[in-house]
Amino acid sequence: MGTDLCPPSRWRHLVGRFGAEKCAGRILHAEEAAYLLGGNRERLPERLAGRWALREAFGKALGQGLDGWSWKELRYVNGRLWAVGELADLLTSRDIRVLHGSVSHDGDLALAVVILER
């Protein structure tokens, strides 16, 4: 299990500086980025903070942080969390079969929880 918190204010600054598409494209798979970019743009920093917290929480649950796997190979759309590519292969090699993820927002915090099951 892994958890993480991330302030949307950090992403508000990054989106203002670099643009929404660049920020989303840097950390998200194209499908997940399109899903977020197609929604409410005012809430985009909040939603990016949640997705970043989810990746941090996943790395903690995996036991290796953000190193050794591609952030873009982890997807979270409509409350469903799954892995593709080399990340899916890594999970299979560790006998991890089920991924659970949840993201919540309150004020200037996004919270993510990830549970990996064998």
N, C-alpha and C. Protein backbone atom coordinates (compact mmCIF):
# COMPACT_ATOMS: atom_id res chain seq x y z
N MET A 1 0.84 -1.18 0.00
CA MET A 1 0.00 0.00 0.00
C MET A 1 0.89 1.24 0.00
N GLY A 2 0.46 2.26 -0.70
CA GLY A 2 1.17 3.54 -0.71
C GLY A 2 0.18 4.69 -0.70
N THR A 3 0.59 5.78 -0.08
CA THR A 3 -0.24 7.00 -0.06
C THR A 3 0.63 8.20 -0.39
N ASP A 4 0.01 9.26 -0.86
CA ASP A 4 0.74 10.49 -1.11
C ASP A 4 -0.22 11.68 -1.14
N LEU A 5 0.32 12.83 -0.81
CA LEU A 5 -0.40 14.11 -0.88
C LEU A 5 0.33 15.03 -1.85
N CYS A 6 -0.42 15.83 -2.59
CA CYS A 6 0.19 16.80 -3.50
C CYS A 6 -0.70 18.04 -3.55
N PRO A 7 -0.10 19.23 -3.41
CA PRO A 7 -0.90 20.46 -3.48
C PRO A 7 -1.18 20.88 -4.93
N PRO A 8 -2.43 21.09 -5.28
CA PRO A 8 -2.76 21.58 -6.62
C PRO A 8 -2.09 22.92 -6.96
N SER A 9 -1.75 23.71 -5.95
CA SER A 9 -1.10 25.00 -6.21
C SER A 9 0.21 24.82 -6.98
N ARG A 10 0.92 23.73 -6.72
CA ARG A 10 2.16 23.45 -7.46
C ARG A 10 1.85 23.27 -8.94
N TRP A 11 0.80 22.52 -9.25
CA TRP A 11 0.42 22.27 -10.63
C TRP A 11 -0.19 23.51 -11.27
N ARG A 12 -0.87 24.33 -10.50
CA ARG A 12 -1.41 25.59 -11.03
C ARG A 12 -0.25 26.45 -11.56
N HIS A 13 0.83 26.50 -10.79
CA HIS A 13 2.02 27.25 -11.20
C HIS A 13 2.63 26.64 -12.46
N LEU A 14 2.79 25.31 -12.49
CA LEU A 14 3.40 24.65 -13.64
C LEU A 14 2.56 24.80 -14.91
N VAL A 15 1.24 24.66 -14.77
CA VAL A 15 0.36 24.83 -15.93
C VAL A 15 0.43 26.27 -16.44
N GLY A 16 0.49 27.24 -15.53
CA GLY A 16 0.61 28.63 -15.92
C GLY A 16 1.93 28.92 -16.63
N ARG A 17 2.97 28.24 -16.21
CA ARG A 17 4.30 28.48 -16.78
C ARG A 17 4.53 27.74 -18.09
N PHE A 18 4.12 26.46 -18.14
CA PHE A 18 4.45 25.62 -19.29
C PHE A 18 3.27 25.25 -20.18
N GLY A 19 2.06 25.46 -19.71
CA GLY A 19 0.87 25.09 -20.48
C GLY A 19 0.32 23.74 -20.06
N ALA A 20 -0.98 23.60 -20.23
CA ALA A 20 -1.68 22.39 -19.79
C ALA A 20 -1.23 21.15 -20.55
N GLU A 21 -1.12 21.26 -21.88
CA GLU A 21 -0.77 20.10 -22.69
C GLU A 21 0.62 19.58 -22.35
N LYS A 22 1.58 20.48 -22.18
CA LYS A 22 2.94 20.05 -21.87
C LYS A 22 3.00 19.38 -20.50
N CYS A 23 2.32 19.95 -19.52
CA CYS A 23 2.33 19.37 -18.17
C CYS A 23 1.68 17.99 -18.16
N ALA A 24 0.53 17.88 -18.78
CA ALA A 24 -0.16 16.58 -18.81
C ALA A 24 0.64 15.56 -19.61
N GLY A 25 1.19 15.97 -20.74
CA GLY A 25 1.95 15.07 -21.58
C GLY A 25 3.25 14.59 -20.97
N ARG A 26 3.77 15.36 -20.04
CA ARG A 26 5.04 14.99 -19.39
C ARG A 26 4.90 13.79 -18.45
N ILE A 27 3.75 13.67 -17.79
CA ILE A 27 3.61 12.62 -16.78
C ILE A 27 2.55 11.57 -17.10
N LEU A 28 1.68 11.85 -18.07
CA LEU A 28 0.54 10.96 -18.31
C LEU A 28 0.62 10.29 -19.68
N HIS A 29 0.07 9.10 -19.77
CA HIS A 29 -0.12 8.44 -21.06
C HIS A 29 -1.07 9.31 -21.89
N ALA A 30 -0.94 9.27 -23.19
CA ALA A 30 -1.75 10.13 -24.08
C ALA A 30 -3.25 9.98 -23.82
N GLU A 31 -3.72 8.76 -23.56
CA GLU A 31 -5.15 8.54 -23.31
C GLU A 31 -5.59 9.24 -22.02
N GLU A 32 -4.77 9.13 -20.98
CA GLU A 32 -5.10 9.77 -19.70
C GLU A 32 -5.02 11.29 -19.83
N ALA A 33 -4.02 11.79 -20.55
CA ALA A 33 -3.88 13.23 -20.76
C ALA A 33 -5.09 13.77 -21.52
N ALA A 34 -5.51 13.08 -22.57
CA ALA A 34 -6.67 13.52 -23.35
C ALA A 34 -7.93 13.55 -22.48
N TYR A 35 -8.07 12.57 -21.61
CA TYR A 35 -9.22 12.52 -20.71
C TYR A 35 -9.23 13.75 -19.81
N LEU A 36 -8.09 14.09 -19.22
CA LEU A 36 -8.02 15.26 -18.34
C LEU A 36 -8.18 16.56 -19.11
N LEU A 37 -7.51 16.68 -20.24
CA LEU A 37 -7.56 17.92 -21.02
C LEU A 37 -8.93 18.16 -21.62
N GLY A 38 -9.72 17.11 -21.79
CA GLY A 38 -11.06 17.25 -22.33
C GLY A 38 -12.09 17.66 -21.29
N GLY A 39 -11.68 17.71 -20.04
CA GLY A 39 -12.61 18.07 -18.96
C GLY A 39 -12.53 19.54 -18.60
N ASN A 40 -12.96 19.85 -17.42
CA ASN A 40 -12.99 21.21 -16.89
C ASN A 40 -11.57 21.74 -16.71
N ARG A 41 -11.18 22.73 -17.51
CA ARG A 41 -9.81 23.27 -17.47
C ARG A 41 -9.51 23.98 -16.16
N GLU A 42 -10.53 24.54 -15.52
CA GLU A 42 -10.30 25.22 -14.24
C GLU A 42 -9.86 24.24 -13.16
N ARG A 43 -10.31 22.99 -13.28
CA ARG A 43 -9.96 21.97 -12.29
C ARG A 43 -8.72 21.17 -12.69
N LEU A 44 -8.10 21.50 -13.82
CA LEU A 44 -6.96 20.73 -14.31
C LEU A 44 -5.81 20.66 -13.30
N PRO A 45 -5.38 21.76 -12.67
CA PRO A 45 -4.29 21.64 -11.69
C PRO A 45 -4.63 20.68 -10.54
N GLU A 46 -5.87 20.71 -10.10
CA GLU A 46 -6.32 19.79 -9.04
C GLU A 46 -6.24 18.34 -9.51
N ARG A 47 -6.68 18.11 -10.73
CA ARG A 47 -6.68 16.75 -11.28
C ARG A 47 -5.27 16.26 -11.58
N LEU A 48 -4.38 17.15 -12.05
CA LEU A 48 -2.98 16.77 -12.25
C LEU A 48 -2.31 16.45 -10.92
N ALA A 49 -2.61 17.22 -9.89
CA ALA A 49 -2.06 16.94 -8.56
C ALA A 49 -2.48 15.56 -8.09
N GLY A 50 -3.73 15.20 -8.33
CA GLY A 50 -4.21 13.87 -7.96
C GLY A 50 -3.50 12.78 -8.72
N ARG A 51 -3.28 13.00 -10.02
CA ARG A 51 -2.58 11.99 -10.83
C ARG A 51 -1.12 11.86 -10.41
N TRP A 52 -0.48 12.99 -10.05
CA TRP A 52 0.90 12.92 -9.59
C TRP A 52 0.96 12.19 -8.24
N ALA A 53 0.06 12.52 -7.33
CA ALA A 53 0.02 11.84 -6.03
C ALA A 53 -0.20 10.34 -6.23
N LEU A 54 -1.01 9.97 -7.21
CA LEU A 54 -1.27 8.57 -7.50
C LEU A 54 0.01 7.86 -7.93
N ARG A 55 0.82 8.51 -8.76
CA ARG A 55 2.08 7.91 -9.20
C ARG A 55 3.06 7.78 -8.03
N GLU A 56 3.12 8.79 -7.18
CA GLU A 56 3.96 8.71 -5.99
C GLU A 56 3.50 7.57 -5.08
N ALA A 57 2.19 7.47 -4.87
CA ALA A 57 1.64 6.40 -4.02
C ALA A 57 1.92 5.03 -4.62
N PHE A 58 1.81 4.92 -5.94
CA PHE A 58 2.10 3.66 -6.62
C PHE A 58 3.56 3.26 -6.40
N GLY A 59 4.47 4.22 -6.57
CA GLY A 59 5.89 3.93 -6.36
C GLY A 59 6.17 3.46 -4.94
N LYS A 60 5.50 4.04 -3.97
CA LYS A 60 5.65 3.62 -2.58
C LYS A 60 5.10 2.21 -2.38
N ALA A 61 3.94 1.94 -2.96
CA ALA A 61 3.35 0.60 -2.83
C ALA A 61 4.25 -0.45 -3.50
N LEU A 62 4.88 -0.06 -4.59
CA LEU A 62 5.77 -0.95 -5.31
C LEU A 62 7.09 -1.16 -4.57
N GLY A 63 7.43 -0.21 -3.71
CA GLY A 63 8.65 -0.32 -2.92
C GLY A 63 9.89 0.22 -3.60
N GLN A 64 9.72 1.02 -4.64
CA GLN A 64 10.90 1.56 -5.33
C GLN A 64 10.74 3.01 -5.75
N GLY A 65 9.76 3.69 -5.22
CA GLY A 65 9.60 5.10 -5.55
C GLY A 65 9.30 5.30 -7.02
N LEU A 66 9.79 6.40 -7.57
CA LEU A 66 9.52 6.74 -8.97
C LEU A 66 10.57 6.20 -9.93
N ASP A 67 11.58 5.49 -9.41
CA ASP A 67 12.66 4.98 -10.24
C ASP A 67 12.34 3.61 -10.83
N GLY A 68 12.81 3.38 -12.05
CA GLY A 68 12.74 2.05 -12.64
C GLY A 68 11.44 1.71 -13.34
N TRP A 69 10.55 2.67 -13.52
CA TRP A 69 9.31 2.44 -14.26
C TRP A 69 8.85 3.76 -14.87
N SER A 70 8.09 3.65 -15.96
CA SER A 70 7.62 4.84 -16.67
C SER A 70 6.29 5.32 -16.12
N TRP A 71 6.23 6.57 -15.73
CA TRP A 71 5.00 7.17 -15.22
C TRP A 71 3.86 7.04 -16.22
N LYS A 72 4.21 7.08 -17.51
CA LYS A 72 3.19 7.04 -18.56
C LYS A 72 2.59 5.65 -18.75
N GLU A 73 3.21 4.63 -18.15
CA GLU A 73 2.68 3.27 -18.28
C GLU A 73 1.68 2.94 -17.17
N LEU A 74 1.44 3.88 -16.28
CA LEU A 74 0.41 3.74 -15.26
C LEU A 74 -0.75 4.63 -15.68
N ARG A 75 -1.95 4.07 -15.75
CA ARG A 75 -3.12 4.84 -16.19
C ARG A 75 -4.20 4.81 -15.13
N TYR A 76 -4.87 5.94 -15.01
CA TYR A 76 -6.00 6.07 -14.08
C TYR A 76 -7.08 6.89 -14.77
N VAL A 77 -8.13 6.22 -15.19
CA VAL A 77 -9.24 6.87 -15.90
C VAL A 77 -10.55 6.33 -15.33
N ASN A 78 -11.45 7.23 -15.00
CA ASN A 78 -12.77 6.85 -14.47
C ASN A 78 -12.66 5.94 -13.25
N GLY A 79 -11.69 6.20 -12.38
CA GLY A 79 -11.54 5.43 -11.16
C GLY A 79 -10.89 4.07 -11.32
N ARG A 80 -10.44 3.76 -12.52
CA ARG A 80 -9.80 2.47 -12.78
C ARG A 80 -8.29 2.68 -12.95
N LEU A 81 -7.50 1.87 -12.24
CA LEU A 81 -6.04 1.95 -12.28
C LEU A 81 -5.50 0.69 -12.95
N TRP A 82 -4.62 0.88 -13.95
CA TRP A 82 -3.99 -0.27 -14.59
C TRP A 82 -2.64 0.13 -15.16
N ALA A 83 -1.85 -0.90 -15.49
CA ALA A 83 -0.50 -0.70 -16.03
C ALA A 83 -0.42 -1.33 -17.41
N VAL A 84 0.46 -0.77 -18.24
CA VAL A 84 0.70 -1.30 -19.59
C VAL A 84 2.21 -1.42 -19.80
N GLY A 85 2.59 -2.08 -20.88
CA GLY A 85 3.98 -2.14 -21.28
C GLY A 85 4.90 -2.80 -20.27
N GLU A 86 6.10 -2.24 -20.14
CA GLU A 86 7.10 -2.81 -19.24
C GLU A 86 6.66 -2.77 -17.79
N LEU A 87 5.86 -1.79 -17.42
CA LEU A 87 5.36 -1.73 -16.05
C LEU A 87 4.43 -2.91 -15.78
N ALA A 88 3.58 -3.25 -16.72
CA ALA A 88 2.71 -4.42 -16.56
C ALA A 88 3.55 -5.69 -16.43
N ASP A 89 4.63 -5.77 -17.22
CA ASP A 89 5.53 -6.93 -17.14
C ASP A 89 6.20 -6.99 -15.77
N LEU A 90 6.62 -5.84 -15.24
CA LEU A 90 7.24 -5.80 -13.92
C LEU A 90 6.26 -6.29 -12.85
N LEU A 91 5.02 -5.84 -12.92
CA LEU A 91 4.02 -6.28 -11.95
C LEU A 91 3.77 -7.78 -12.05
N THR A 92 3.70 -8.29 -13.27
CA THR A 92 3.51 -9.73 -13.47
C THR A 92 4.68 -10.50 -12.89
N SER A 93 5.90 -10.01 -13.08
CA SER A 93 7.08 -10.70 -12.55
C SER A 93 7.09 -10.73 -11.03
N ARG A 94 6.41 -9.79 -10.41
CA ARG A 94 6.30 -9.75 -8.94
C ARG A 94 4.99 -10.37 -8.46
N ASP A 95 4.28 -11.00 -9.37
CA ASP A 95 3.01 -11.67 -9.08
C ASP A 95 1.95 -10.71 -8.55
N ILE A 96 2.01 -9.46 -8.97
CA ILE A 96 0.98 -8.47 -8.61
C ILE A 96 -0.08 -8.51 -9.69
N ARG A 97 -1.30 -8.86 -9.31
CA ARG A 97 -2.37 -9.10 -10.27
C ARG A 97 -3.46 -8.04 -10.27
N VAL A 98 -3.66 -7.37 -9.13
CA VAL A 98 -4.77 -6.43 -9.01
C VAL A 98 -4.25 -5.10 -8.49
N LEU A 99 -4.66 -4.01 -9.13
CA LEU A 99 -4.28 -2.66 -8.71
C LEU A 99 -5.54 -1.91 -8.29
N HIS A 100 -5.46 -1.28 -7.12
CA HIS A 100 -6.54 -0.43 -6.63
C HIS A 100 -5.98 0.98 -6.45
N GLY A 101 -6.71 1.97 -6.90
CA GLY A 101 -6.28 3.35 -6.71
C GLY A 101 -7.46 4.24 -6.43
N SER A 102 -7.22 5.24 -5.59
CA SER A 102 -8.26 6.21 -5.29
C SER A 102 -7.62 7.58 -5.13
N VAL A 103 -8.29 8.59 -5.64
CA VAL A 103 -7.81 9.97 -5.54
C VAL A 103 -8.93 10.81 -4.94
N SER A 104 -8.56 11.69 -4.01
CA SER A 104 -9.53 12.59 -3.39
C SER A 104 -8.92 13.98 -3.30
N HIS A 105 -9.77 15.00 -3.34
CA HIS A 105 -9.32 16.38 -3.26
C HIS A 105 -10.06 17.10 -2.15
N ASP A 106 -9.33 17.94 -1.42
CA ASP A 106 -9.96 18.78 -0.39
C ASP A 106 -9.11 20.03 -0.23
N GLY A 107 -9.68 21.17 -0.55
CA GLY A 107 -8.93 22.42 -0.44
C GLY A 107 -7.71 22.37 -1.33
N ASP A 108 -6.55 22.68 -0.76
CA ASP A 108 -5.32 22.67 -1.55
C ASP A 108 -4.52 21.39 -1.31
N LEU A 109 -5.20 20.27 -1.28
CA LEU A 109 -4.52 18.98 -1.18
C LEU A 109 -5.23 17.94 -2.05
N ALA A 110 -4.42 17.15 -2.72
CA ALA A 110 -4.91 15.97 -3.41
C ALA A 110 -4.29 14.78 -2.70
N LEU A 111 -5.09 13.78 -2.41
CA LEU A 111 -4.65 12.58 -1.71
C LEU A 111 -4.85 11.39 -2.63
N ALA A 112 -3.86 10.51 -2.68
CA ALA A 112 -3.99 9.27 -3.45
C ALA A 112 -3.59 8.09 -2.58
N VAL A 113 -4.31 7.00 -2.78
CA VAL A 113 -4.02 5.73 -2.11
C VAL A 113 -3.95 4.66 -3.18
N VAL A 114 -2.92 3.81 -3.11
CA VAL A 114 -2.76 2.70 -4.05
C VAL A 114 -2.53 1.43 -3.25
N ILE A 115 -3.24 0.37 -3.63
CA ILE A 115 -3.04 -0.95 -3.04
C ILE A 115 -2.74 -1.91 -4.18
N LEU A 116 -1.66 -2.69 -4.02
CA LEU A 116 -1.28 -3.70 -4.99
C LEU A 116 -1.54 -5.07 -4.37
N GLU A 117 -2.25 -5.93 -5.11
CA GLU A 117 -2.61 -7.26 -4.60
C GLU A 117 -1.96 -8.36 -5.42
N ARG A 118 -1.59 -9.42 -4.70
CA ARG A 118 -1.08 -10.62 -5.37
C ARG A 118 -2.22 -11.56 -5.61
